[in-house]
Amino acid sequence: MVNPDTMRTIVGIIGNVISFGYLPRLCNPTFIQIVKKKTVGEFKPDPYLATVLNCMMWVLYGLPFVRPDSLLVITINGGGLVIELIYVTIFFVYADSLKRKKIALWLLFEVIFMAIIAAITMLLFHGTKNRSLFVGLLCVVFNVIMYASPLTVMRQVIRTKSVKYMPFTLSLANFANGIVWSIYALIKFDPYILIPNGLGSLSGAVQLILYATYYKSTPKDEEDKKPPRFNSPGCDHAGL
Protein backbone atom coordinates (compact mmCIF):
# COMPACT_ATOMS: atom_id res chain seq x y z
CA MET A 1 0.00 0.00 0.00
CA VAL A 2 1.28 3.45 -0.92
CA ASN A 3 2.30 5.63 2.02
CA PRO A 4 -0.01 8.70 2.33
CA ASP A 5 2.99 11.05 2.41
CA THR A 6 4.36 9.48 -0.78
CA MET A 7 0.94 9.73 -2.46
CA ARG A 8 0.64 13.37 -1.38
CA THR A 9 4.07 14.12 -2.83
CA ILE A 10 3.17 12.49 -6.15
CA VAL A 11 -0.09 14.45 -6.39
CA GLY A 12 1.73 17.67 -5.49
CA ILE A 13 4.30 17.05 -8.23
CA ILE A 14 1.47 16.52 -10.73
CA GLY A 15 -0.01 19.84 -9.59
CA ASN A 16 3.35 21.54 -10.14
CA VAL A 17 3.64 20.02 -13.62
CA ILE A 18 0.14 21.17 -14.62
CA SER A 19 0.76 24.72 -13.42
CA PHE A 20 4.32 25.21 -14.66
CA GLY A 21 3.82 23.29 -17.89
CA TYR A 22 0.49 24.71 -18.95
CA LEU A 23 -0.81 27.81 -17.20
CA PRO A 24 2.20 30.09 -18.00
CA ARG A 25 1.71 29.32 -21.70
CA LEU A 26 -1.90 30.44 -21.45
CA CYS A 27 -0.84 33.82 -20.07
CA ASN A 28 1.87 34.35 -22.69
CA PRO A 29 -0.33 35.54 -25.62
CA THR A 30 -1.28 38.65 -23.68
CA PHE A 31 2.35 39.62 -23.19
CA ILE A 32 3.42 38.61 -26.69
CA GLN A 33 0.83 41.10 -27.94
CA ILE A 34 2.10 43.78 -25.53
CA VAL A 35 5.73 43.32 -26.65
CA LYS A 36 4.81 43.32 -30.35
CA LYS A 37 2.72 46.50 -30.06
CA LYS A 38 5.08 48.05 -27.48
CA THR A 39 2.08 49.15 -25.44
CA VAL A 40 -0.17 47.58 -22.82
CA GLY A 41 -3.21 49.03 -24.57
CA GLU A 42 -6.43 48.23 -22.70
CA PHE A 43 -4.90 45.53 -20.54
CA LYS A 44 -4.68 46.19 -16.80
CA PRO A 45 -1.96 45.08 -14.36
CA ASP A 46 -4.39 44.42 -11.49
CA PRO A 47 -4.75 40.62 -11.92
CA TYR A 48 -0.97 40.13 -12.05
CA LEU A 49 -0.31 42.40 -9.06
CA ALA A 50 -2.97 40.52 -7.11
CA THR A 51 -1.38 37.20 -8.04
CA VAL A 52 2.04 38.43 -6.87
CA LEU A 53 0.60 39.07 -3.41
CA ASN A 54 -1.31 35.80 -3.49
CA CYS A 55 1.84 33.80 -4.30
CA MET A 56 3.82 35.57 -1.58
CA MET A 57 1.13 34.69 0.97
CA TRP A 58 1.23 31.02 0.00
CA VAL A 59 5.03 30.91 0.08
CA LEU A 60 4.85 32.22 3.65
CA TYR A 61 2.22 29.60 4.45
CA GLY A 62 4.42 26.78 3.13
CA LEU A 63 7.51 27.71 5.17
CA PRO A 64 8.51 25.07 7.77
CA PHE A 65 7.90 27.36 10.74
CA VAL A 66 4.32 28.03 9.55
CA ARG A 67 3.17 24.78 7.88
CA PRO A 68 5.70 21.92 8.04
CA ASP A 69 5.98 19.37 5.20
CA SER A 70 4.68 21.79 2.57
CA LEU A 71 7.68 22.03 0.25
CA LEU A 72 5.56 21.57 -2.88
CA VAL A 73 3.38 24.50 -1.83
CA ILE A 74 6.55 26.62 -1.73
CA THR A 75 7.84 25.38 -5.11
CA ILE A 76 4.58 25.97 -6.97
CA ASN A 77 3.96 29.42 -5.51
CA GLY A 78 7.63 30.43 -5.50
CA GLY A 79 7.83 29.57 -9.19
CA GLY A 80 4.51 31.31 -9.76
CA LEU A 81 5.83 34.41 -8.00
CA VAL A 82 8.86 34.55 -10.31
CA ILE A 83 6.69 34.17 -13.42
CA GLU A 84 4.20 36.81 -12.27
CA LEU A 85 7.03 39.25 -11.50
CA ILE A 86 8.30 38.73 -15.05
CA TYR A 87 4.81 39.54 -16.36
CA VAL A 88 4.60 42.64 -14.14
CA THR A 89 8.05 43.76 -15.33
CA ILE A 90 7.01 43.45 -18.99
CA PHE A 91 3.83 45.35 -18.21
CA PHE A 92 5.85 48.06 -16.41
CA VAL A 93 8.24 48.50 -19.35
CA TYR A 94 5.46 49.09 -21.89
CA ALA A 95 3.02 50.99 -19.66
CA ASP A 96 2.52 54.77 -19.58
CA SER A 97 3.77 56.83 -16.65
CA LEU A 98 0.45 56.72 -14.78
CA LYS A 99 0.26 52.92 -14.89
CA ARG A 100 3.95 52.65 -13.97
CA LYS A 101 3.32 54.75 -10.87
CA LYS A 102 0.38 52.55 -9.96
CA ILE A 103 2.46 49.37 -10.36
CA ALA A 104 5.33 50.76 -8.28
CA LEU A 105 3.01 51.88 -5.47
CA TRP A 106 1.17 48.56 -5.40
CA LEU A 107 4.41 46.56 -5.28
CA LEU A 108 5.69 48.75 -2.45
CA PHE A 109 2.42 48.25 -0.58
CA GLU A 110 2.60 44.48 -1.09
CA VAL A 111 6.17 44.26 0.23
CA ILE A 112 5.29 46.32 3.32
CA PHE A 113 2.09 44.30 3.84
CA MET A 114 3.97 40.99 3.64
CA ALA A 115 6.62 42.25 6.07
CA ILE A 116 3.88 43.16 8.56
CA ILE A 117 2.13 39.80 8.17
CA ALA A 118 5.41 37.91 8.58
CA ALA A 119 6.27 39.92 11.71
CA ILE A 120 2.81 39.32 13.22
CA THR A 121 3.06 35.61 12.40
CA MET A 122 6.43 35.20 14.10
CA LEU A 123 5.95 37.53 17.07
CA LEU A 124 2.30 37.05 18.07
CA PHE A 125 1.66 33.43 17.14
CA HIS A 126 3.62 30.57 18.64
CA GLY A 127 3.73 27.07 17.20
CA THR A 128 2.98 25.93 13.66
CA LYS A 129 -0.69 25.22 14.44
CA ASN A 130 -1.46 28.82 15.37
CA ARG A 131 0.74 30.28 12.64
CA SER A 132 -0.77 28.10 9.91
CA LEU A 133 -4.26 29.04 11.14
CA PHE A 134 -3.52 32.78 10.90
CA VAL A 135 -1.71 32.72 7.54
CA GLY A 136 -4.01 30.02 6.12
CA LEU A 137 -7.14 32.05 6.81
CA LEU A 138 -5.61 35.08 5.10
CA CYS A 139 -4.69 32.96 2.08
CA VAL A 140 -8.24 31.60 1.82
CA VAL A 141 -9.71 35.13 2.00
CA PHE A 142 -7.39 36.38 -0.78
CA ASN A 143 -8.23 33.41 -3.00
CA VAL A 144 -11.98 33.75 -2.54
CA ILE A 145 -11.76 37.46 -3.43
CA MET A 146 -9.76 36.64 -6.57
CA TYR A 147 -12.48 34.31 -7.82
CA ALA A 148 -14.60 37.40 -8.52
CA SER A 149 -12.73 37.73 -11.84
CA PRO A 150 -13.89 34.44 -13.42
CA LEU A 151 -17.41 35.14 -12.17
CA THR A 152 -17.37 38.37 -14.18
CA VAL A 153 -16.21 36.51 -17.28
CA MET A 154 -18.87 33.82 -16.82
CA ARG A 155 -21.56 36.47 -16.51
CA GLN A 156 -20.30 38.01 -19.75
CA VAL A 157 -20.48 34.62 -21.49
CA ILE A 158 -24.09 34.14 -20.40
CA ARG A 159 -25.04 37.70 -21.39
CA THR A 160 -23.41 37.62 -24.83
CA LYS A 161 -23.87 33.88 -25.48
CA SER A 162 -20.24 33.93 -26.61
CA VAL A 163 -17.12 32.22 -25.22
CA LYS A 164 -14.62 34.47 -27.00
CA TYR A 165 -13.19 35.73 -23.69
CA MET A 166 -13.20 32.32 -21.99
CA PRO A 167 -10.77 29.96 -23.77
CA PHE A 168 -11.49 26.25 -23.36
CA THR A 169 -7.88 25.37 -22.53
CA LEU A 170 -7.77 27.90 -19.69
CA SER A 171 -11.03 26.59 -18.21
CA LEU A 172 -9.83 23.00 -18.50
CA ALA A 173 -6.49 23.83 -16.85
CA ASN A 174 -8.27 25.64 -14.00
CA PHE A 175 -10.53 22.64 -13.45
CA ALA A 176 -7.70 20.08 -13.51
CA ASN A 177 -5.52 22.27 -11.31
CA GLY A 178 -8.26 22.67 -8.71
CA ILE A 179 -9.00 18.93 -8.64
CA VAL A 180 -5.36 17.92 -8.22
CA TRP A 181 -4.66 20.34 -5.37
CA SER A 182 -7.96 19.44 -3.69
CA ILE A 183 -6.85 15.79 -3.68
CA TYR A 184 -3.47 16.93 -2.30
CA ALA A 185 -5.25 18.72 0.54
CA LEU A 186 -7.49 15.73 1.32
CA ILE A 187 -4.69 13.17 1.59
CA LYS A 188 -3.23 15.00 4.57
CA PHE A 189 -6.19 17.18 5.47
CA ASP A 190 -5.43 20.85 4.95
CA PRO A 191 -8.59 22.99 4.89
CA TYR A 192 -6.70 26.13 3.83
CA ILE A 193 -5.59 24.49 0.59
CA LEU A 194 -8.82 22.52 0.13
CA ILE A 195 -11.26 25.46 0.32
CA PRO A 196 -9.78 27.68 -2.44
CA ASN A 197 -8.97 24.77 -4.72
CA GLY A 198 -12.37 23.18 -4.17
CA LEU A 199 -13.88 26.50 -5.25
CA GLY A 200 -11.41 26.62 -8.15
CA SER A 201 -12.42 23.18 -9.43
CA LEU A 202 -16.11 24.14 -9.10
CA SER A 203 -15.46 27.37 -11.00
CA GLY A 204 -13.59 25.45 -13.69
CA ALA A 205 -16.43 22.93 -14.00
CA VAL A 206 -19.00 25.72 -14.43
CA GLN A 207 -16.79 27.35 -17.09
CA LEU A 208 -16.56 24.05 -19.00
CA ILE A 209 -20.36 23.67 -18.86
CA LEU A 210 -20.79 27.23 -20.13
CA TYR A 211 -18.25 26.58 -22.89
CA ALA A 212 -20.15 23.48 -24.02
CA THR A 213 -23.41 25.44 -23.90
CA TYR A 214 -22.33 28.56 -25.82
CA TYR A 215 -19.49 27.36 -28.05
CA LYS A 216 -21.72 26.85 -31.08
CA SER A 217 -23.37 30.25 -30.68
CA THR A 218 -19.99 32.06 -30.70
CA PRO A 219 -19.31 33.71 -34.11
CA LYS A 220 -15.99 32.40 -35.41
CA ASP A 221 -14.94 35.78 -36.80
CA GLU A 222 -15.48 37.28 -33.32
CA GLU A 223 -12.97 34.85 -31.86
CA ASP A 224 -10.41 35.82 -34.47
CA LYS A 225 -10.76 39.58 -34.10
CA LYS A 226 -9.66 39.83 -30.50
CA PRO A 227 -7.21 37.79 -28.45
CA PRO A 228 -8.53 36.24 -25.23
CA ARG A 229 -8.12 38.27 -22.08
CA PHE A 230 -6.15 36.39 -19.51
CA ASN A 231 -7.15 38.64 -16.64
CA SER A 232 -8.22 35.85 -14.32
CA PRO A 233 -6.77 33.60 -11.66
CA GLY A 234 -6.12 31.16 -14.42
CA CYS A 235 -2.62 32.56 -14.26
CA ASP A 236 -2.49 31.69 -10.60
CA HIS A 237 -0.10 28.85 -10.10
CA ALA A 238 -1.64 25.91 -8.30
CA GLY A 239 -4.76 27.88 -7.72
CA LEU A 240 -3.24 28.52 -4.36
C-alpha atoms as a PDB file:
ATOM      1  CA  MET A   1       0.000   0.000   0.000  1.00  0.00           C
ATOM      2  CA  VAL A   2       1.278   3.448  -0.924  1.00  0.00           C
ATOM      3  CA  ASN A   3       2.295   5.626   2.015  1.00  0.00           C
ATOM      4  CA  PRO A   4      -0.014   8.702   2.326  1.00  0.00           C
ATOM      5  CA  ASP A   5       2.989  11.053   2.414  1.00  0.00           C
ATOM      6  CA  THR A   6       4.356   9.484  -0.783  1.00  0.00           C
ATOM      7  CA  MET A   7       0.942   9.733  -2.460  1.00  0.00           C
ATOM      8  CA  ARG A   8       0.642  13.369  -1.380  1.00  0.00           C
ATOM      9  CA  THR A   9       4.070  14.123  -2.826  1.00  0.00           C
ATOM     10  CA  ILE A  10       3.170  12.490  -6.153  1.00  0.00           C
ATOM     11  CA  VAL A  11      -0.093  14.449  -6.387  1.00  0.00           C
ATOM     12  CA  GLY A  12       1.735  17.672  -5.489  1.00  0.00           C
ATOM     13  CA  ILE A  13       4.299  17.051  -8.227  1.00  0.00           C
ATOM     14  CA  ILE A  14       1.472  16.515 -10.727  1.00  0.00           C
ATOM     15  CA  GLY A  15      -0.009  19.840  -9.593  1.00  0.00           C
ATOM     16  CA  ASN A  16       3.349  21.537 -10.136  1.00  0.00           C
ATOM     17  CA  VAL A  17       3.637  20.024 -13.625  1.00  0.00           C
ATOM     18  CA  ILE A  18       0.138  21.174 -14.619  1.00  0.00           C
ATOM     19  CA  SER A  19       0.756  24.717 -13.418  1.00  0.00           C
ATOM     20  CA  PHE A  20       4.320  25.208 -14.659  1.00  0.00           C
ATOM     21  CA  GLY A  21       3.818  23.294 -17.886  1.00  0.00           C
ATOM     22  CA  TYR A  22       0.490  24.708 -18.947  1.00  0.00           C
ATOM     23  CA  LEU A  23      -0.806  27.812 -17.204  1.00  0.00           C
ATOM     24  CA  PRO A  24       2.197  30.087 -18.000  1.00  0.00           C
ATOM     25  CA  ARG A  25       1.708  29.320 -21.702  1.00  0.00           C
ATOM     26  CA  LEU A  26      -1.899  30.437 -21.446  1.00  0.00           C
ATOM     27  CA  CYS A  27      -0.836  33.818 -20.074  1.00  0.00           C
ATOM     28  CA  ASN A  28       1.871  34.347 -22.695  1.00  0.00           C
ATOM     29  CA  PRO A  29      -0.331  35.540 -25.623  1.00  0.00           C
ATOM     30  CA  THR A  30      -1.284  38.652 -23.681  1.00  0.00           C
ATOM     31  CA  PHE A  31       2.350  39.624 -23.192  1.00  0.00           C
ATOM     32  CA  ILE A  32       3.421  38.610 -26.686  1.00  0.00           C
ATOM     33  CA  GLN A  33       0.828  41.097 -27.943  1.00  0.00           C
ATOM     34  CA  ILE A  34       2.096  43.776 -25.526  1.00  0.00           C
ATOM     35  CA  VAL A  35       5.726  43.318 -26.652  1.00  0.00           C
ATOM     36  CA  LYS A  36       4.812  43.325 -30.353  1.00  0.00           C
ATOM     37  CA  LYS A  37       2.725  46.497 -30.059  1.00  0.00           C
ATOM     38  CA  LYS A  38       5.082  48.050 -27.482  1.00  0.00           C
ATOM     39  CA  THR A  39       2.080  49.153 -25.441  1.00  0.00           C
ATOM     40  CA  VAL A  40      -0.172  47.585 -22.820  1.00  0.00           C
ATOM     41  CA  GLY A  41      -3.213  49.029 -24.571  1.00  0.00           C
ATOM     42  CA  GLU A  42      -6.432  48.228 -22.705  1.00  0.00           C
ATOM     43  CA  PHE A  43      -4.901  45.528 -20.537  1.00  0.00           C
ATOM     44  CA  LYS A  44      -4.677  46.194 -16.796  1.00  0.00           C
ATOM     45  CA  PRO A  45      -1.957  45.081 -14.355  1.00  0.00           C
ATOM     46  CA  ASP A  46      -4.391  44.425 -11.492  1.00  0.00           C
ATOM     47  CA  PRO A  47      -4.746  40.619 -11.915  1.00  0.00           C
ATOM     48  CA  TYR A  48      -0.975  40.127 -12.047  1.00  0.00           C
ATOM     49  CA  LEU A  49      -0.307  42.400  -9.065  1.00  0.00           C
ATOM     50  CA  ALA A  50      -2.971  40.524  -7.113  1.00  0.00           C
ATOM     51  CA  THR A  51      -1.379  37.203  -8.042  1.00  0.00           C
ATOM     52  CA  VAL A  52       2.043  38.426  -6.867  1.00  0.00           C
ATOM     53  CA  LEU A  53       0.600  39.074  -3.407  1.00  0.00           C
ATOM     54  CA  ASN A  54      -1.310  35.796  -3.487  1.00  0.00           C
ATOM     55  CA  CYS A  55       1.844  33.798  -4.303  1.00  0.00           C
ATOM     56  CA  MET A  56       3.824  35.573  -1.575  1.00  0.00           C
ATOM     57  CA  MET A  57       1.134  34.695   0.966  1.00  0.00           C
ATOM     58  CA  TRP A  58       1.234  31.018   0.004  1.00  0.00           C
ATOM     59  CA  VAL A  59       5.033  30.914   0.081  1.00  0.00           C
ATOM     60  CA  LEU A  60       4.850  32.223   3.648  1.00  0.00           C
ATOM     61  CA  TYR A  61       2.216  29.599   4.452  1.00  0.00           C
ATOM     62  CA  GLY A  62       4.418  26.785   3.130  1.00  0.00           C
ATOM     63  CA  LEU A  63       7.511  27.715   5.170  1.00  0.00           C
ATOM     64  CA  PRO A  64       8.512  25.073   7.767  1.00  0.00           C
ATOM     65  CA  PHE A  65       7.903  27.360  10.745  1.00  0.00           C
ATOM     66  CA  VAL A  66       4.320  28.029   9.545  1.00  0.00           C
ATOM     67  CA  ARG A  67       3.169  24.785   7.881  1.00  0.00           C
ATOM     68  CA  PRO A  68       5.698  21.919   8.037  1.00  0.00           C
ATOM     69  CA  ASP A  69       5.976  19.372   5.197  1.00  0.00           C
ATOM     70  CA  SER A  70       4.680  21.791   2.569  1.00  0.00           C
ATOM     71  CA  LEU A  71       7.684  22.026   0.249  1.00  0.00           C
ATOM     72  CA  LEU A  72       5.558  21.566  -2.880  1.00  0.00           C
ATOM     73  CA  VAL A  73       3.380  24.504  -1.834  1.00  0.00           C
ATOM     74  CA  ILE A  74       6.550  26.617  -1.734  1.00  0.00           C
ATOM     75  CA  THR A  75       7.836  25.382  -5.107  1.00  0.00           C
ATOM     76  CA  ILE A  76       4.579  25.972  -6.966  1.00  0.00           C
ATOM     77  CA  ASN A  77       3.965  29.418  -5.511  1.00  0.00           C
ATOM     78  CA  GLY A  78       7.633  30.426  -5.497  1.00  0.00           C
ATOM     79  CA  GLY A  79       7.829  29.573  -9.189  1.00  0.00           C
ATOM     80  CA  GLY A  80       4.514  31.311  -9.763  1.00  0.00           C
ATOM     81  CA  LEU A  81       5.830  34.411  -7.996  1.00  0.00           C
ATOM     82  CA  VAL A  82       8.859  34.555 -10.308  1.00  0.00           C
ATOM     83  CA  ILE A  83       6.688  34.170 -13.424  1.00  0.00           C
ATOM     84  CA  GLU A  84       4.200  36.807 -12.269  1.00  0.00           C
ATOM     85  CA  LEU A  85       7.030  39.245 -11.497  1.00  0.00           C
ATOM     86  CA  ILE A  86       8.296  38.733 -15.055  1.00  0.00           C
ATOM     87  CA  TYR A  87       4.811  39.544 -16.358  1.00  0.00           C
ATOM     88  CA  VAL A  88       4.600  42.643 -14.145  1.00  0.00           C
ATOM     89  CA  THR A  89       8.054  43.760 -15.332  1.00  0.00           C
ATOM     90  CA  ILE A  90       7.011  43.452 -18.987  1.00  0.00           C
ATOM     91  CA  PHE A  91       3.834  45.354 -18.209  1.00  0.00           C
ATOM     92  CA  PHE A  92       5.845  48.061 -16.415  1.00  0.00           C
ATOM     93  CA  VAL A  93       8.236  48.502 -19.347  1.00  0.00           C
ATOM     94  CA  TYR A  94       5.462  49.092 -21.890  1.00  0.00           C
ATOM     95  CA  ALA A  95       3.018  50.995 -19.656  1.00  0.00           C
ATOM     96  CA  ASP A  96       2.519  54.767 -19.578  1.00  0.00           C
ATOM     97  CA  SER A  97       3.768  56.835 -16.646  1.00  0.00           C
ATOM     98  CA  LEU A  98       0.452  56.723 -14.781  1.00  0.00           C
ATOM     99  CA  LYS A  99       0.263  52.924 -14.886  1.00  0.00           C
ATOM    100  CA  ARG A 100       3.948  52.648 -13.969  1.00  0.00           C
ATOM    101  CA  LYS A 101       3.323  54.748 -10.872  1.00  0.00           C
ATOM    102  CA  LYS A 102       0.376  52.545  -9.961  1.00  0.00           C
ATOM    103  CA  ILE A 103       2.457  49.372 -10.361  1.00  0.00           C
ATOM    104  CA  ALA A 104       5.327  50.758  -8.284  1.00  0.00           C
ATOM    105  CA  LEU A 105       3.009  51.878  -5.473  1.00  0.00           C
ATOM    106  CA  TRP A 106       1.172  48.558  -5.398  1.00  0.00           C
ATOM    107  CA  LEU A 107       4.414  46.555  -5.284  1.00  0.00           C
ATOM    108  CA  LEU A 108       5.692  48.750  -2.453  1.00  0.00           C
ATOM    109  CA  PHE A 109       2.415  48.251  -0.581  1.00  0.00           C
ATOM    110  CA  GLU A 110       2.597  44.478  -1.090  1.00  0.00           C
ATOM    111  CA  VAL A 111       6.165  44.258   0.229  1.00  0.00           C
ATOM    112  CA  ILE A 112       5.286  46.315   3.324  1.00  0.00           C
ATOM    113  CA  PHE A 113       2.090  44.300   3.840  1.00  0.00           C
ATOM    114  CA  MET A 114       3.973  40.988   3.643  1.00  0.00           C
ATOM    115  CA  ALA A 115       6.623  42.248   6.070  1.00  0.00           C
ATOM    116  CA  ILE A 116       3.880  43.164   8.564  1.00  0.00           C
ATOM    117  CA  ILE A 117       2.131  39.797   8.167  1.00  0.00           C
ATOM    118  CA  ALA A 118       5.409  37.908   8.576  1.00  0.00           C
ATOM    119  CA  ALA A 119       6.265  39.922  11.708  1.00  0.00           C
ATOM    120  CA  ILE A 120       2.810  39.323  13.218  1.00  0.00           C
ATOM    121  CA  THR A 121       3.061  35.614  12.404  1.00  0.00           C
ATOM    122  CA  MET A 122       6.426  35.199  14.102  1.00  0.00           C
ATOM    123  CA  LEU A 123       5.948  37.525  17.071  1.00  0.00           C
ATOM    124  CA  LEU A 124       2.300  37.053  18.071  1.00  0.00           C
ATOM    125  CA  PHE A 125       1.662  33.433  17.139  1.00  0.00           C
ATOM    126  CA  HIS A 126       3.622  30.568  18.644  1.00  0.00           C
ATOM    127  CA  GLY A 127       3.731  27.070  17.204  1.00  0.00           C
ATOM    128  CA  THR A 128       2.976  25.929  13.665  1.00  0.00           C
ATOM    129  CA  LYS A 129      -0.688  25.216  14.436  1.00  0.00           C
ATOM    130  CA  ASN A 130      -1.459  28.824  15.371  1.00  0.00           C
ATOM    131  CA  ARG A 131       0.745  30.277  12.641  1.00  0.00           C
ATOM    132  CA  SER A 132      -0.769  28.102   9.909  1.00  0.00           C
ATOM    133  CA  LEU A 133      -4.263  29.039  11.136  1.00  0.00           C
ATOM    134  CA  PHE A 134      -3.523  32.780  10.896  1.00  0.00           C
ATOM    135  CA  VAL A 135      -1.712  32.719   7.539  1.00  0.00           C
ATOM    136  CA  GLY A 136      -4.006  30.021   6.118  1.00  0.00           C
ATOM    137  CA  LEU A 137      -7.140  32.051   6.807  1.00  0.00           C
ATOM    138  CA  LEU A 138      -5.608  35.084   5.105  1.00  0.00           C
ATOM    139  CA  CYS A 139      -4.691  32.957   2.079  1.00  0.00           C
ATOM    140  CA  VAL A 140      -8.237  31.604   1.823  1.00  0.00           C
ATOM    141  CA  VAL A 141      -9.707  35.130   2.002  1.00  0.00           C
ATOM    142  CA  PHE A 142      -7.386  36.378  -0.778  1.00  0.00           C
ATOM    143  CA  ASN A 143      -8.225  33.414  -3.003  1.00  0.00           C
ATOM    144  CA  VAL A 144     -11.980  33.753  -2.543  1.00  0.00           C
ATOM    145  CA  ILE A 145     -11.757  37.457  -3.434  1.00  0.00           C
ATOM    146  CA  MET A 146      -9.755  36.641  -6.573  1.00  0.00           C
ATOM    147  CA  TYR A 147     -12.483  34.306  -7.820  1.00  0.00           C
ATOM    148  CA  ALA A 148     -14.596  37.396  -8.523  1.00  0.00           C
ATOM    149  CA  SER A 149     -12.734  37.735 -11.844  1.00  0.00           C
ATOM    150  CA  PRO A 150     -13.887  34.440 -13.416  1.00  0.00           C
ATOM    151  CA  LEU A 151     -17.411  35.137 -12.169  1.00  0.00           C
ATOM    152  CA  THR A 152     -17.373  38.371 -14.177  1.00  0.00           C
ATOM    153  CA  VAL A 153     -16.211  36.509 -17.282  1.00  0.00           C
ATOM    154  CA  MET A 154     -18.873  33.816 -16.816  1.00  0.00           C
ATOM    155  CA  ARG A 155     -21.558  36.468 -16.515  1.00  0.00           C
ATOM    156  CA  GLN A 156     -20.302  38.014 -19.754  1.00  0.00           C
ATOM    157  CA  VAL A 157     -20.477  34.619 -21.487  1.00  0.00           C
ATOM    158  CA  ILE A 158     -24.092  34.135 -20.401  1.00  0.00           C
ATOM    159  CA  ARG A 159     -25.044  37.699 -21.388  1.00  0.00           C
ATOM    160  CA  THR A 160     -23.409  37.616 -24.835  1.00  0.00           C
ATOM    161  CA  LYS A 161     -23.875  33.877 -25.480  1.00  0.00           C
ATOM    162  CA  SER A 162     -20.241  33.930 -26.615  1.00  0.00           C
ATOM    163  CA  VAL A 163     -17.119  32.216 -25.220  1.00  0.00           C
ATOM    164  CA  LYS A 164     -14.622  34.470 -27.004  1.00  0.00           C
ATOM    165  CA  TYR A 165     -13.191  35.727 -23.691  1.00  0.00           C
ATOM    166  CA  MET A 166     -13.195  32.324 -21.989  1.00  0.00           C
ATOM    167  CA  PRO A 167     -10.766  29.958 -23.769  1.00  0.00           C
ATOM    168  CA  PHE A 168     -11.489  26.246 -23.361  1.00  0.00           C
ATOM    169  CA  THR A 169      -7.877  25.367 -22.535  1.00  0.00           C
ATOM    170  CA  LEU A 170      -7.774  27.899 -19.695  1.00  0.00           C
ATOM    171  CA  SER A 171     -11.025  26.593 -18.205  1.00  0.00           C
ATOM    172  CA  LEU A 172      -9.826  22.998 -18.498  1.00  0.00           C
ATOM    173  CA  ALA A 173      -6.492  23.831 -16.853  1.00  0.00           C
ATOM    174  CA  ASN A 174      -8.269  25.640 -14.001  1.00  0.00           C
ATOM    175  CA  PHE A 175     -10.534  22.637 -13.451  1.00  0.00           C
ATOM    176  CA  ALA A 176      -7.703  20.081 -13.514  1.00  0.00           C
ATOM    177  CA  ASN A 177      -5.517  22.270 -11.308  1.00  0.00           C
ATOM    178  CA  GLY A 178      -8.260  22.670  -8.706  1.00  0.00           C
ATOM    179  CA  ILE A 179      -9.002  18.930  -8.640  1.00  0.00           C
ATOM    180  CA  VAL A 180      -5.356  17.925  -8.225  1.00  0.00           C
ATOM    181  CA  TRP A 181      -4.662  20.345  -5.366  1.00  0.00           C
ATOM    182  CA  SER A 182      -7.958  19.443  -3.687  1.00  0.00           C
ATOM    183  CA  ILE A 183      -6.845  15.794  -3.676  1.00  0.00           C
ATOM    184  CA  TYR A 184      -3.474  16.925  -2.302  1.00  0.00           C
ATOM    185  CA  ALA A 185      -5.251  18.717   0.541  1.00  0.00           C
ATOM    186  CA  LEU A 186      -7.491  15.732   1.324  1.00  0.00           C
ATOM    187  CA  ILE A 187      -4.689  13.166   1.586  1.00  0.00           C
ATOM    188  CA  LYS A 188      -3.229  14.999   4.569  1.00  0.00           C
ATOM    189  CA  PHE A 189      -6.185  17.177   5.467  1.00  0.00           C
ATOM    190  CA  ASP A 190      -5.429  20.852   4.948  1.00  0.00           C
ATOM    191  CA  PRO A 191      -8.591  22.993   4.885  1.00  0.00           C
ATOM    192  CA  TYR A 192      -6.704  26.127   3.831  1.00  0.00           C
ATOM    193  CA  ILE A 193      -5.587  24.490   0.591  1.00  0.00           C
ATOM    194  CA  LEU A 194      -8.824  22.524   0.127  1.00  0.00           C
ATOM    195  CA  ILE A 195     -11.265  25.460   0.317  1.00  0.00           C
ATOM    196  CA  PRO A 196      -9.783  27.680  -2.438  1.00  0.00           C
ATOM    197  CA  ASN A 197      -8.970  24.767  -4.720  1.00  0.00           C
ATOM    198  CA  GLY A 198     -12.371  23.179  -4.172  1.00  0.00           C
ATOM    199  CA  LEU A 199     -13.880  26.498  -5.246  1.00  0.00           C
ATOM    200  CA  GLY A 200     -11.412  26.623  -8.146  1.00  0.00           C
ATOM    201  CA  SER A 201     -12.425  23.183  -9.432  1.00  0.00           C
ATOM    202  CA  LEU A 202     -16.106  24.138  -9.098  1.00  0.00           C
ATOM    203  CA  SER A 203     -15.464  27.372 -10.997  1.00  0.00           C
ATOM    204  CA  GLY A 204     -13.593  25.450 -13.693  1.00  0.00           C
ATOM    205  CA  ALA A 205     -16.430  22.929 -14.001  1.00  0.00           C
ATOM    206  CA  VAL A 206     -19.001  25.717 -14.433  1.00  0.00           C
ATOM    207  CA  GLN A 207     -16.786  27.348 -17.089  1.00  0.00           C
ATOM    208  CA  LEU A 208     -16.564  24.048 -18.998  1.00  0.00           C
ATOM    209  CA  ILE A 209     -20.360  23.670 -18.859  1.00  0.00           C
ATOM    210  CA  LEU A 210     -20.789  27.233 -20.135  1.00  0.00           C
ATOM    211  CA  TYR A 211     -18.252  26.576 -22.893  1.00  0.00           C
ATOM    212  CA  ALA A 212     -20.150  23.478 -24.023  1.00  0.00           C
ATOM    213  CA  THR A 213     -23.407  25.435 -23.901  1.00  0.00           C
ATOM    214  CA  TYR A 214     -22.334  28.559 -25.818  1.00  0.00           C
ATOM    215  CA  TYR A 215     -19.492  27.357 -28.052  1.00  0.00           C
ATOM    216  CA  LYS A 216     -21.723  26.845 -31.084  1.00  0.00           C
ATOM    217  CA  SER A 217     -23.373  30.250 -30.675  1.00  0.00           C
ATOM    218  CA  THR A 218     -19.992  32.062 -30.700  1.00  0.00           C
ATOM    219  CA  PRO A 219     -19.306  33.708 -34.109  1.00  0.00           C
ATOM    220  CA  LYS A 220     -15.992  32.397 -35.412  1.00  0.00           C
ATOM    221  CA  ASP A 221     -14.942  35.783 -36.802  1.00  0.00           C
ATOM    222  CA  GLU A 222     -15.478  37.281 -33.322  1.00  0.00           C
ATOM    223  CA  GLU A 223     -12.975  34.848 -31.856  1.00  0.00           C
ATOM    224  CA  ASP A 224     -10.406  35.820 -34.474  1.00  0.00           C
ATOM    225  CA  LYS A 225     -10.764  39.577 -34.099  1.00  0.00           C
ATOM    226  CA  LYS A 226      -9.664  39.828 -30.497  1.00  0.00           C
ATOM    227  CA  PRO A 227      -7.209  37.789 -28.445  1.00  0.00           C
ATOM    228  CA  PRO A 228      -8.529  36.243 -25.233  1.00  0.00           C
ATOM    229  CA  ARG A 229      -8.118  38.267 -22.082  1.00  0.00           C
ATOM    230  CA  PHE A 230      -6.154  36.386 -19.505  1.00  0.00           C
ATOM    231  CA  ASN A 231      -7.151  38.644 -16.644  1.00  0.00           C
ATOM    232  CA  SER A 232      -8.222  35.851 -14.319  1.00  0.00           C
ATOM    233  CA  PRO A 233      -6.773  33.595 -11.655  1.00  0.00           C
ATOM    234  CA  GLY A 234      -6.115  31.159 -14.422  1.00  0.00           C
ATOM    235  CA  CYS A 235      -2.622  32.557 -14.257  1.00  0.00           C
ATOM    236  CA  ASP A 236      -2.486  31.685 -10.598  1.00  0.00           C
ATOM    237  CA  HIS A 237      -0.095  28.848 -10.103  1.00  0.00           C
ATOM    238  CA  ALA A 238      -1.641  25.913  -8.295  1.00  0.00           C
ATOM    239  CA  GLY A 239      -4.762  27.875  -7.725  1.00  0.00           C
ATOM    240  CA  LEU A 240      -3.237  28.517  -4.357  1.00  0.00           C
END
